[in-house]
N, C-alpha and C. Protein backbone atom coordinates (compact mmCIF):
# COMPACT_ATOMS: atom_id res chain seq x y z
N MET A 1 189.79 -99.13 -22.20
CA MET A 1 189.04 -99.28 -21.04
C MET A 1 187.66 -99.25 -21.17
N GLU A 2 187.09 -100.52 -20.62
CA GLU A 2 185.68 -100.43 -20.78
C GLU A 2 185.02 -100.16 -19.37
N ILE A 3 184.19 -99.27 -19.37
CA ILE A 3 183.63 -99.14 -18.10
C ILE A 3 181.99 -99.03 -17.89
N LEU A 4 181.35 -99.78 -17.20
CA LEU A 4 179.93 -99.92 -17.23
C LEU A 4 179.55 -98.98 -16.24
N ALA A 5 178.54 -98.09 -16.69
CA ALA A 5 177.76 -96.90 -15.87
C ALA A 5 176.39 -97.49 -15.61
N ILE A 6 176.28 -97.67 -14.30
CA ILE A 6 174.89 -98.31 -13.77
C ILE A 6 174.06 -97.04 -13.36
N SER A 7 172.82 -97.03 -13.68
CA SER A 7 171.86 -96.07 -13.03
C SER A 7 171.04 -96.84 -12.23
N GLY A 8 171.18 -96.28 -11.10
CA GLY A 8 170.38 -96.87 -9.77
C GLY A 8 168.97 -96.52 -9.91
N SER A 9 168.26 -95.80 -10.92
CA SER A 9 167.02 -95.63 -10.94
C SER A 9 166.31 -96.36 -12.13
N ALA A 10 165.10 -96.73 -11.97
CA ALA A 10 164.41 -97.46 -13.10
C ALA A 10 163.44 -96.31 -13.73
N ARG A 11 163.66 -95.03 -13.29
CA ARG A 11 162.58 -94.05 -13.92
C ARG A 11 163.07 -93.48 -15.28
N LEU A 12 162.27 -93.50 -16.34
CA LEU A 12 162.53 -93.21 -17.63
C LEU A 12 163.32 -91.94 -17.80
N ALA A 13 162.82 -90.68 -17.11
CA ALA A 13 163.39 -89.52 -17.28
C ALA A 13 164.36 -89.08 -16.09
N SER A 14 165.14 -90.39 -15.58
CA SER A 14 166.01 -90.24 -14.48
C SER A 14 167.14 -89.16 -14.61
N THR A 15 167.39 -88.52 -13.61
CA THR A 15 168.50 -87.71 -13.55
C THR A 15 169.84 -88.33 -13.60
N ASN A 16 169.75 -89.50 -12.80
CA ASN A 16 170.84 -90.37 -12.70
C ASN A 16 171.36 -90.93 -14.32
N THR A 17 170.50 -91.46 -14.79
CA THR A 17 170.56 -91.92 -16.07
C THR A 17 170.91 -91.02 -17.29
N ALA A 18 170.37 -89.75 -17.04
CA ALA A 18 170.69 -88.65 -17.98
C ALA A 18 172.42 -88.13 -17.34
N LEU A 19 172.72 -88.39 -16.30
CA LEU A 19 174.10 -87.72 -15.75
C LEU A 19 175.09 -89.03 -16.51
N LEU A 20 174.67 -90.21 -16.26
CA LEU A 20 175.38 -91.19 -17.05
C LEU A 20 175.48 -91.36 -18.55
N ARG A 21 174.46 -90.77 -19.11
CA ARG A 21 174.44 -90.82 -20.52
C ARG A 21 175.36 -89.73 -21.02
N SER A 22 175.56 -88.62 -20.11
CA SER A 22 176.39 -87.55 -20.50
C SER A 22 177.69 -87.94 -20.47
N VAL A 23 178.22 -88.82 -19.08
CA VAL A 23 179.32 -89.15 -19.17
C VAL A 23 179.72 -89.95 -20.06
N ALA A 24 178.88 -90.81 -20.55
CA ALA A 24 179.37 -91.69 -21.96
C ALA A 24 179.62 -90.89 -23.00
N THR A 25 178.78 -89.83 -23.25
CA THR A 25 179.09 -88.82 -24.33
C THR A 25 180.53 -88.10 -24.36
N HIS A 26 180.76 -87.83 -23.16
CA HIS A 26 181.90 -86.77 -22.95
C HIS A 26 183.05 -87.58 -22.52
N SER A 27 183.16 -89.05 -22.60
CA SER A 27 184.20 -89.67 -22.23
C SER A 27 185.35 -89.58 -23.24
N PRO A 28 186.59 -89.67 -22.66
CA PRO A 28 187.80 -89.38 -23.78
C PRO A 28 187.99 -90.79 -24.56
N PRO A 29 188.40 -90.65 -25.66
CA PRO A 29 188.66 -91.68 -26.73
C PRO A 29 189.13 -92.95 -26.08
N ASP A 30 189.94 -92.97 -25.07
CA ASP A 30 190.61 -94.14 -24.73
C ASP A 30 189.83 -94.91 -23.67
N ILE A 31 188.65 -94.18 -23.18
CA ILE A 31 187.45 -94.82 -22.32
C ILE A 31 186.35 -94.93 -22.79
N HIS A 32 185.82 -96.06 -23.08
CA HIS A 32 184.35 -96.35 -23.49
C HIS A 32 183.57 -96.56 -22.42
N VAL A 33 182.60 -96.02 -22.15
CA VAL A 33 181.47 -95.85 -21.26
C VAL A 33 180.13 -96.52 -21.74
N SER A 34 179.75 -97.44 -21.15
CA SER A 34 178.47 -98.06 -21.89
C SER A 34 177.44 -97.87 -20.65
N LEU A 35 176.13 -97.61 -20.75
CA LEU A 35 175.09 -97.57 -19.76
C LEU A 35 174.45 -98.71 -19.69
N PHE A 36 174.20 -99.06 -18.32
CA PHE A 36 173.04 -100.05 -18.13
C PHE A 36 171.88 -99.30 -17.23
N ASP A 37 170.82 -99.37 -17.90
CA ASP A 37 169.53 -98.89 -17.19
C ASP A 37 168.37 -99.71 -17.26
N GLY A 38 168.74 -100.93 -16.99
CA GLY A 38 167.85 -101.97 -17.16
C GLY A 38 167.42 -102.49 -15.87
N LEU A 39 167.48 -101.71 -14.59
CA LEU A 39 167.23 -102.55 -13.31
C LEU A 39 165.57 -103.06 -13.44
N ALA A 40 164.86 -102.20 -13.95
CA ALA A 40 163.33 -102.83 -14.08
C ALA A 40 163.35 -104.09 -14.71
N GLY A 41 164.03 -104.35 -15.61
CA GLY A 41 164.04 -105.54 -16.32
C GLY A 41 164.40 -106.83 -15.35
N LEU A 42 165.09 -106.60 -14.34
CA LEU A 42 165.62 -107.77 -13.65
C LEU A 42 164.72 -108.37 -12.55
N PRO A 43 164.28 -109.74 -12.74
CA PRO A 43 163.43 -110.15 -11.67
C PRO A 43 163.79 -110.11 -10.19
N VAL A 44 162.87 -110.16 -9.24
CA VAL A 44 163.29 -109.94 -7.81
C VAL A 44 164.00 -111.16 -7.61
N PHE A 45 165.17 -110.82 -6.78
CA PHE A 45 166.11 -112.05 -6.57
C PHE A 45 165.63 -113.00 -5.41
N SER A 46 166.04 -114.11 -5.95
CA SER A 46 165.54 -115.14 -5.03
C SER A 46 166.98 -116.23 -4.97
N PRO A 47 167.39 -116.75 -4.05
CA PRO A 47 168.30 -117.86 -4.13
C PRO A 47 167.90 -119.01 -4.76
N ASP A 48 166.50 -119.12 -5.03
CA ASP A 48 165.91 -120.49 -5.79
C ASP A 48 166.16 -120.37 -7.20
N LEU A 49 166.32 -118.82 -7.73
CA LEU A 49 166.62 -118.68 -9.24
C LEU A 49 168.39 -118.62 -9.36
N GLU A 50 168.99 -118.91 -8.57
CA GLU A 50 170.58 -118.72 -8.58
C GLU A 50 171.04 -119.94 -9.32
N VAL A 51 170.18 -120.59 -10.09
CA VAL A 51 170.70 -121.95 -10.73
C VAL A 51 170.95 -121.55 -12.24
N GLU A 52 171.67 -122.38 -12.84
CA GLU A 52 171.85 -122.34 -14.39
C GLU A 52 170.70 -123.26 -14.85
N PRO A 53 170.17 -122.48 -15.94
CA PRO A 53 170.65 -121.18 -16.46
C PRO A 53 169.93 -120.17 -15.87
N LEU A 54 170.56 -119.20 -15.50
CA LEU A 54 170.01 -117.88 -14.92
C LEU A 54 168.90 -117.23 -15.76
N PRO A 55 167.99 -116.51 -15.02
CA PRO A 55 166.89 -115.70 -15.92
C PRO A 55 167.85 -114.91 -16.99
N GLN A 56 167.24 -114.71 -18.23
CA GLN A 56 167.98 -114.27 -19.40
C GLN A 56 168.57 -112.86 -18.82
N ALA A 57 167.79 -111.97 -18.40
CA ALA A 57 168.03 -110.61 -17.86
C ALA A 57 169.23 -110.34 -16.96
N VAL A 58 169.06 -111.55 -16.01
CA VAL A 58 170.13 -111.70 -15.13
C VAL A 58 171.28 -112.29 -15.73
N ALA A 59 171.44 -112.98 -16.64
CA ALA A 59 172.58 -113.58 -17.22
C ALA A 59 173.10 -112.36 -18.03
N ASP A 60 172.31 -111.69 -18.85
CA ASP A 60 173.10 -110.38 -19.56
C ASP A 60 173.58 -109.61 -18.64
N PHE A 61 172.98 -109.08 -17.56
CA PHE A 61 173.66 -108.14 -16.73
C PHE A 61 174.76 -108.74 -16.18
N VAL A 62 174.91 -109.90 -15.62
CA VAL A 62 176.20 -110.49 -15.11
C VAL A 62 177.42 -110.37 -16.11
N ALA A 63 176.92 -110.80 -17.39
CA ALA A 63 177.80 -110.96 -18.42
C ALA A 63 178.57 -109.39 -18.55
N ARG A 64 177.77 -108.40 -18.41
CA ARG A 64 178.19 -107.10 -18.75
C ARG A 64 179.15 -106.80 -17.31
N ILE A 65 178.73 -107.00 -16.42
CA ILE A 65 179.61 -107.01 -15.16
C ILE A 65 180.93 -107.73 -15.19
N ARG A 66 180.92 -108.70 -15.99
CA ARG A 66 182.04 -109.78 -15.98
C ARG A 66 182.86 -108.94 -16.96
N ASP A 67 182.63 -108.48 -18.11
CA ASP A 67 183.09 -108.02 -19.16
C ASP A 67 183.72 -106.66 -19.03
N CYS A 68 183.34 -105.83 -18.13
CA CYS A 68 183.93 -104.63 -17.82
C CYS A 68 184.96 -104.49 -17.09
N ASP A 69 186.03 -103.60 -17.25
CA ASP A 69 186.98 -103.26 -16.48
C ASP A 69 186.72 -102.49 -15.09
N GLY A 70 185.59 -101.83 -15.01
CA GLY A 70 185.19 -101.20 -13.92
C GLY A 70 183.90 -100.62 -14.01
N ILE A 71 183.11 -100.25 -12.89
CA ILE A 71 181.84 -99.90 -12.93
C ILE A 71 181.74 -98.30 -12.15
N ILE A 72 180.78 -97.56 -12.79
CA ILE A 72 180.48 -96.34 -12.13
C ILE A 72 179.00 -96.56 -11.71
N LEU A 73 178.57 -96.16 -10.56
CA LEU A 73 177.24 -96.24 -10.06
C LEU A 73 176.81 -94.59 -9.85
N SER A 74 175.61 -94.43 -10.28
CA SER A 74 174.86 -93.42 -9.86
C SER A 74 173.35 -93.54 -9.53
N CYS A 75 173.06 -93.11 -8.50
CA CYS A 75 172.03 -93.72 -7.67
C CYS A 75 171.10 -92.50 -7.08
N PRO A 76 169.86 -92.48 -7.29
CA PRO A 76 168.78 -91.55 -6.49
C PRO A 76 168.75 -92.14 -4.83
N GLU A 77 168.36 -91.15 -4.21
CA GLU A 77 167.82 -91.59 -2.82
C GLU A 77 166.54 -91.89 -2.50
N TYR A 78 165.83 -92.91 -2.19
CA TYR A 78 164.37 -93.10 -1.96
C TYR A 78 164.21 -93.19 -0.41
N VAL A 79 163.58 -92.61 0.24
CA VAL A 79 163.50 -92.76 1.82
C VAL A 79 164.65 -92.79 2.33
N ARG A 80 165.48 -92.09 2.19
CA ARG A 80 166.95 -91.93 2.82
C ARG A 80 167.79 -93.37 2.58
N ALA A 81 167.48 -94.10 1.70
CA ALA A 81 167.94 -95.40 1.41
C ALA A 81 168.14 -95.64 -0.03
N ILE A 82 168.94 -96.99 -0.31
CA ILE A 82 169.31 -97.44 -1.75
C ILE A 82 167.76 -97.81 -2.25
N PRO A 83 167.65 -97.35 -3.61
CA PRO A 83 166.55 -97.89 -4.13
C PRO A 83 166.20 -99.32 -4.25
N GLY A 84 165.13 -99.97 -4.12
CA GLY A 84 164.91 -101.33 -4.26
C GLY A 84 165.63 -101.98 -5.53
N GLY A 85 165.51 -101.41 -6.62
CA GLY A 85 165.91 -101.90 -7.93
C GLY A 85 167.52 -102.12 -7.97
N LEU A 86 168.07 -101.27 -7.41
CA LEU A 86 169.70 -101.32 -7.43
C LEU A 86 170.00 -102.25 -6.37
N LYS A 87 169.49 -102.24 -5.15
CA LYS A 87 169.63 -103.23 -4.43
C LYS A 87 169.45 -104.69 -4.70
N ASN A 88 168.40 -104.91 -5.33
CA ASN A 88 167.93 -106.06 -6.13
C ASN A 88 169.01 -106.45 -7.03
N ALA A 89 169.47 -105.65 -7.72
CA ALA A 89 170.61 -106.02 -8.78
C ALA A 89 171.79 -106.42 -8.11
N ILE A 90 172.01 -105.95 -7.09
CA ILE A 90 173.37 -105.85 -6.35
C ILE A 90 173.26 -107.26 -5.63
N ASP A 91 171.94 -107.71 -4.85
CA ASP A 91 171.78 -108.99 -4.49
C ASP A 91 171.93 -110.32 -5.53
N TRP A 92 171.60 -109.95 -6.68
CA TRP A 92 172.04 -110.91 -7.71
C TRP A 92 173.46 -111.35 -7.98
N LEU A 93 174.23 -110.33 -7.62
CA LEU A 93 175.60 -110.35 -7.63
C LEU A 93 176.45 -110.82 -6.46
N VAL A 94 175.72 -110.93 -5.19
CA VAL A 94 176.34 -111.14 -4.02
C VAL A 94 177.23 -112.47 -3.88
N SER A 95 176.58 -113.51 -4.40
CA SER A 95 177.27 -114.89 -4.17
C SER A 95 177.89 -115.43 -5.58
N ARG A 96 178.31 -114.29 -6.39
CA ARG A 96 178.88 -114.52 -7.68
C ARG A 96 180.35 -113.92 -7.31
N ASP A 97 181.33 -114.33 -8.24
CA ASP A 97 182.65 -113.89 -8.34
C ASP A 97 182.88 -112.55 -9.45
N GLU A 98 181.80 -112.48 -10.22
CA GLU A 98 182.04 -111.34 -11.09
C GLU A 98 182.38 -109.86 -10.42
N ILE A 99 181.86 -109.54 -9.30
CA ILE A 99 181.74 -108.45 -8.55
C ILE A 99 182.81 -108.28 -7.75
N VAL A 100 183.47 -109.25 -7.18
CA VAL A 100 184.16 -109.39 -5.90
C VAL A 100 185.41 -108.45 -6.40
N GLN A 101 186.14 -108.51 -7.37
CA GLN A 101 187.41 -107.81 -7.75
C GLN A 101 187.04 -106.77 -8.71
N LYS A 102 185.99 -106.19 -8.92
CA LYS A 102 185.80 -105.09 -9.78
C LYS A 102 185.85 -103.91 -9.26
N PRO A 103 186.52 -102.95 -10.10
CA PRO A 103 186.92 -101.68 -9.28
C PRO A 103 185.39 -100.96 -9.62
N ILE A 104 184.95 -100.15 -8.67
CA ILE A 104 183.65 -99.68 -8.28
C ILE A 104 183.89 -98.06 -7.85
N ALA A 105 183.42 -97.19 -8.64
CA ALA A 105 183.34 -95.54 -8.22
C ALA A 105 181.96 -95.15 -8.36
N LEU A 106 181.70 -94.23 -7.49
CA LEU A 106 180.31 -93.44 -7.59
C LEU A 106 180.34 -92.15 -8.15
N MET A 107 179.16 -91.54 -8.52
CA MET A 107 178.81 -90.33 -9.16
C MET A 107 177.39 -89.88 -8.38
N HIS A 108 177.06 -88.96 -8.23
CA HIS A 108 175.74 -88.52 -7.69
C HIS A 108 175.35 -87.46 -8.36
N ALA A 109 173.83 -87.20 -8.62
CA ALA A 109 173.17 -86.33 -9.27
C ALA A 109 172.28 -85.32 -8.55
N SER A 110 172.73 -85.16 -7.01
CA SER A 110 171.96 -84.54 -6.35
C SER A 110 172.85 -83.75 -5.31
N HIS A 111 172.54 -82.68 -4.77
CA HIS A 111 173.10 -82.19 -3.32
C HIS A 111 172.77 -82.84 -2.30
N ARG A 112 171.75 -83.68 -2.39
CA ARG A 112 171.10 -84.50 -1.30
C ARG A 112 171.51 -85.98 -1.36
N GLY A 113 171.20 -86.67 -0.43
CA GLY A 113 171.17 -88.31 -0.66
C GLY A 113 172.42 -88.85 0.22
N ASP A 114 172.94 -88.02 1.10
CA ASP A 114 174.25 -88.80 1.76
C ASP A 114 173.81 -89.89 2.50
N ASP A 115 172.56 -89.98 3.10
CA ASP A 115 172.34 -91.13 4.06
C ASP A 115 172.44 -92.44 2.90
N MET A 116 171.77 -92.46 1.70
CA MET A 116 172.05 -93.26 0.78
C MET A 116 173.34 -93.55 0.39
N LEU A 117 173.99 -92.57 0.24
CA LEU A 117 175.52 -92.74 -0.17
C LEU A 117 176.22 -93.46 0.68
N MET A 118 175.93 -93.15 2.07
CA MET A 118 176.64 -93.91 3.09
C MET A 118 176.30 -95.51 3.06
N GLN A 119 175.06 -95.84 2.82
CA GLN A 119 174.65 -97.05 2.93
C GLN A 119 175.22 -97.97 1.82
N LEU A 120 175.17 -97.08 0.56
CA LEU A 120 175.56 -97.68 -0.89
C LEU A 120 177.17 -98.04 -0.40
N ARG A 121 177.85 -97.08 0.15
CA ARG A 121 179.53 -97.37 0.22
C ARG A 121 179.54 -98.65 1.21
N LEU A 122 178.80 -98.63 2.25
CA LEU A 122 178.64 -100.14 3.07
C LEU A 122 178.64 -101.24 2.30
N VAL A 123 177.59 -101.33 1.35
CA VAL A 123 177.17 -102.21 0.70
C VAL A 123 178.42 -102.60 -0.36
N LEU A 124 178.92 -101.71 -1.03
CA LEU A 124 179.99 -101.90 -2.19
C LEU A 124 181.24 -102.25 -1.39
N THR A 125 181.54 -101.83 -0.37
CA THR A 125 182.80 -102.40 0.28
C THR A 125 182.61 -103.87 0.77
N THR A 126 181.50 -104.25 0.91
CA THR A 126 181.16 -105.74 1.37
C THR A 126 181.24 -106.48 0.12
N VAL A 127 180.68 -106.17 -1.04
CA VAL A 127 180.62 -107.04 -2.22
C VAL A 127 181.85 -106.99 -3.16
N SER A 128 182.73 -105.80 -2.90
CA SER A 128 183.76 -105.62 -4.09
C SER A 128 185.24 -105.29 -2.97
N THR A 129 186.15 -105.93 -3.27
CA THR A 129 187.38 -105.66 -2.67
C THR A 129 188.00 -104.42 -3.12
N ARG A 130 187.43 -103.70 -4.31
CA ARG A 130 188.10 -102.80 -4.99
C ARG A 130 187.21 -101.52 -5.22
N PHE A 131 186.45 -101.32 -4.27
CA PHE A 131 185.61 -99.98 -4.15
C PHE A 131 186.51 -98.75 -3.96
N ALA A 132 186.36 -97.81 -5.03
CA ALA A 132 187.30 -96.52 -4.71
C ALA A 132 186.59 -95.56 -4.20
N ASP A 133 186.51 -95.51 -3.03
CA ASP A 133 185.67 -94.45 -2.15
C ASP A 133 186.17 -93.09 -2.39
N GLN A 134 187.51 -93.08 -2.66
CA GLN A 134 187.98 -91.71 -2.84
C GLN A 134 187.71 -91.13 -4.25
N ILE A 135 187.20 -91.54 -5.13
CA ILE A 135 186.99 -91.27 -6.54
C ILE A 135 185.47 -90.98 -6.42
N PHE A 136 184.98 -89.81 -6.42
CA PHE A 136 183.71 -89.50 -6.49
C PHE A 136 183.31 -88.18 -7.21
N LEU A 137 182.20 -87.89 -7.82
CA LEU A 137 181.98 -86.87 -8.50
C LEU A 137 180.59 -86.43 -8.25
N ARG A 138 180.15 -85.29 -7.94
CA ARG A 138 178.76 -84.93 -7.78
C ARG A 138 178.35 -83.73 -8.45
N PHE A 139 177.30 -83.50 -9.16
CA PHE A 139 176.63 -82.70 -9.81
C PHE A 139 175.16 -82.31 -9.02
N GLU A 140 174.77 -81.05 -9.00
CA GLU A 140 173.40 -80.81 -8.39
C GLU A 140 172.46 -80.75 -9.86
N LEU A 141 171.80 -81.67 -10.02
CA LEU A 141 170.82 -81.82 -11.18
C LEU A 141 169.58 -82.13 -10.73
N MET A 142 169.01 -82.12 -9.45
CA MET A 142 167.74 -82.37 -9.34
C MET A 142 166.86 -81.60 -9.86
N LYS A 143 165.53 -82.07 -10.27
CA LYS A 143 164.57 -81.43 -11.02
C LYS A 143 165.09 -80.97 -12.23
N LYS A 144 165.94 -81.41 -12.92
CA LYS A 144 166.32 -80.83 -14.52
C LYS A 144 165.99 -82.01 -15.33
N SER A 145 165.31 -81.76 -16.49
CA SER A 145 165.06 -82.75 -17.40
C SER A 145 166.32 -83.53 -18.02
N PRO A 146 166.16 -84.56 -18.71
CA PRO A 146 167.57 -85.08 -19.47
C PRO A 146 168.08 -84.19 -20.31
N ASP A 147 167.26 -83.27 -21.06
CA ASP A 147 167.92 -82.46 -22.25
C ASP A 147 168.51 -81.42 -21.37
N GLU A 148 168.16 -80.81 -20.28
CA GLU A 148 168.92 -79.74 -19.57
C GLU A 148 170.06 -80.18 -18.97
N ILE A 149 169.98 -81.54 -18.42
CA ILE A 149 171.25 -82.27 -17.98
C ILE A 149 172.30 -82.19 -19.03
N ALA A 150 171.77 -82.63 -20.22
CA ALA A 150 172.67 -82.94 -21.27
C ALA A 150 173.32 -81.50 -21.61
N PHE A 151 172.67 -80.52 -21.65
CA PHE A 151 173.09 -79.16 -21.98
C PHE A 151 174.01 -78.67 -20.84
N LEU A 152 173.65 -78.78 -19.53
CA LEU A 152 174.48 -78.24 -18.60
C LEU A 152 175.73 -79.14 -18.59
N LEU A 153 175.85 -80.47 -18.57
CA LEU A 153 177.09 -81.16 -18.74
C LEU A 153 178.02 -81.00 -19.78
N SER A 154 177.43 -80.44 -20.95
CA SER A 154 178.31 -79.94 -22.18
C SER A 154 179.14 -78.77 -22.02
N ARG A 155 178.97 -78.03 -20.81
CA ARG A 155 179.81 -76.90 -20.67
C ARG A 155 181.25 -77.46 -20.40
N SER A 156 182.10 -76.60 -20.75
CA SER A 156 183.54 -76.94 -20.78
C SER A 156 184.17 -77.26 -19.26
N GLU A 157 183.56 -76.76 -18.37
CA GLU A 157 184.08 -77.01 -17.07
C GLU A 157 183.55 -78.24 -16.51
N HIS A 158 182.33 -78.41 -16.96
CA HIS A 158 181.72 -79.75 -16.31
C HIS A 158 182.47 -81.15 -17.30
N LYS A 159 182.49 -80.85 -18.47
CA LYS A 159 183.27 -81.82 -19.23
C LYS A 159 184.60 -82.14 -18.77
N ALA A 160 185.42 -81.07 -18.62
CA ALA A 160 186.64 -81.13 -17.82
C ALA A 160 186.76 -82.04 -16.45
N ALA A 161 185.70 -81.80 -15.71
CA ALA A 161 185.35 -82.58 -14.50
C ALA A 161 185.00 -84.08 -14.96
N ILE A 162 184.27 -84.44 -15.52
CA ILE A 162 184.04 -85.72 -16.01
C ILE A 162 185.14 -86.26 -16.68
N GLU A 163 185.84 -85.61 -17.32
CA GLU A 163 187.12 -86.33 -17.95
C GLU A 163 188.11 -86.69 -16.95
N SER A 164 188.48 -85.56 -16.10
CA SER A 164 189.34 -85.86 -14.83
C SER A 164 188.83 -87.05 -13.95
N TYR A 165 187.53 -87.15 -13.51
CA TYR A 165 186.98 -88.25 -13.02
C TYR A 165 187.26 -89.63 -13.75
N LEU A 166 186.92 -89.45 -14.86
CA LEU A 166 187.11 -90.88 -15.80
C LEU A 166 188.49 -91.22 -15.69
N HIS A 167 189.79 -90.11 -15.84
CA HIS A 167 190.90 -90.50 -15.74
C HIS A 167 191.46 -90.95 -14.55
N ARG A 168 190.82 -90.59 -13.49
CA ARG A 168 191.29 -91.07 -12.13
C ARG A 168 190.86 -92.32 -12.06
N PHE A 169 189.46 -92.75 -12.39
CA PHE A 169 189.09 -94.04 -12.27
C PHE A 169 190.00 -95.06 -13.18
N GLU A 170 190.24 -94.57 -14.36
CA GLU A 170 190.96 -95.56 -15.45
C GLU A 170 192.23 -95.94 -14.56
N GLU A 171 192.90 -94.90 -13.96
CA GLU A 171 194.26 -95.20 -13.23
C GLU A 171 194.04 -95.97 -12.38
N PHE A 172 192.94 -95.87 -11.57
CA PHE A 172 192.68 -96.70 -10.39
C PHE A 172 192.47 -98.41 -10.95
N CYS A 173 191.68 -98.46 -11.96
CA CYS A 173 191.49 -99.69 -12.61
C CYS A 173 192.78 -100.41 -12.91
N ARG A 174 193.61 -99.69 -13.52
CA ARG A 174 194.63 -100.06 -14.10
C ARG A 174 195.82 -100.66 -12.98
N ASP A 175 195.75 -99.74 -12.01
CA ASP A 175 196.77 -100.14 -10.77
C ASP A 175 196.32 -101.21 -10.04
N GLU A 176 194.78 -101.47 -10.11
CA GLU A 176 194.34 -102.42 -9.34
C GLU A 176 194.40 -103.84 -10.14
N ARG A 177 194.46 -103.63 -11.67
CA ARG A 177 194.66 -105.10 -12.28
C ARG A 177 196.21 -105.19 -12.15
N MET A 178 197.09 -104.19 -12.10
CA MET A 178 198.47 -104.66 -12.09
C MET A 178 198.83 -105.35 -10.69
N ALA A 179 198.06 -104.56 -9.47
CA ALA A 179 198.36 -105.31 -8.29
C ALA A 179 197.92 -106.80 -8.44
N ALA A 180 196.74 -107.12 -8.73
CA ALA A 180 196.17 -108.26 -9.06
C ALA A 180 197.18 -109.39 -9.70
N ARG A 181 197.60 -108.72 -10.97
CA ARG A 181 198.53 -109.85 -11.59
C ARG A 181 200.03 -109.89 -10.82
N GLN A 182 200.62 -108.88 -10.24
CA GLN A 182 201.64 -109.15 -9.47
C GLN A 182 201.27 -110.39 -8.21
N LYS A 183 200.19 -110.07 -7.69
CA LYS A 183 199.76 -111.00 -6.54
C LYS A 183 199.77 -112.45 -7.23
N SER A 184 199.14 -112.64 -8.25
CA SER A 184 198.87 -113.84 -8.67
C SER A 184 200.31 -114.83 -9.24
N THR A 185 201.24 -113.55 -9.54
CA THR A 185 202.62 -114.27 -9.98
C THR A 185 203.48 -114.45 -8.90
N GLN A 186 203.21 -114.07 -7.56
CA GLN A 186 204.19 -114.27 -6.51
C GLN A 186 204.20 -115.74 -6.29
N SER A 187 205.32 -116.07 -5.80
CA SER A 187 205.36 -117.49 -5.54
C SER A 187 204.82 -117.37 -3.90
N PRO A 188 204.01 -118.58 -3.84
CA PRO A 188 203.45 -118.80 -2.35
C PRO A 188 204.53 -119.17 -1.23
N PHE A 189 205.80 -119.26 -1.83
CA PHE A 189 206.91 -119.60 -0.73
C PHE A 189 207.33 -118.45 -0.27
N PHE A 190 207.24 -117.18 -1.00
CA PHE A 190 207.59 -115.91 -0.31
C PHE A 190 206.63 -114.88 -0.01
N SER A 191 205.28 -114.98 -0.19
CA SER A 191 204.35 -114.43 0.32
C SER A 191 204.00 -114.26 1.71
């Protein structure tokens, strides 16, 4: 199972990036989690740029979305909203097929941020038919350094929580893939 973990922060010492890096480190052997922390490298979205060839950074991002089995997002809240960098990345995907049937789940690195999470859930249910709202994991990591986060999440109870979350998401991804296969093999005369 290939999971793409997208950090919604462009900050170098981001708690969200550190959280997802720890998730990748503590993922079980059958689940490979790779990190995308390149929001700052994406150009500002414009429909005028949605022609082939796409800007290279966008083409690489789209390819990573296409090639994964599922996406995990972890994002900070800026002014009670989705940060511009993540919204920009999502805007690049809106008119494309790669995101539409991609399973997506959320993680969160703070005890705050519910306004942003509500907005992000609305956006994700709009762009994906397979947003797994019920699969969610939250850690209170605000104001901790990446090293402190790595240490904290290496504790056995946190590693177990991460592994459980990843297995639930893996099961969701497999169920969604199976449902899509069954739907595509059904005869149009009996649907």
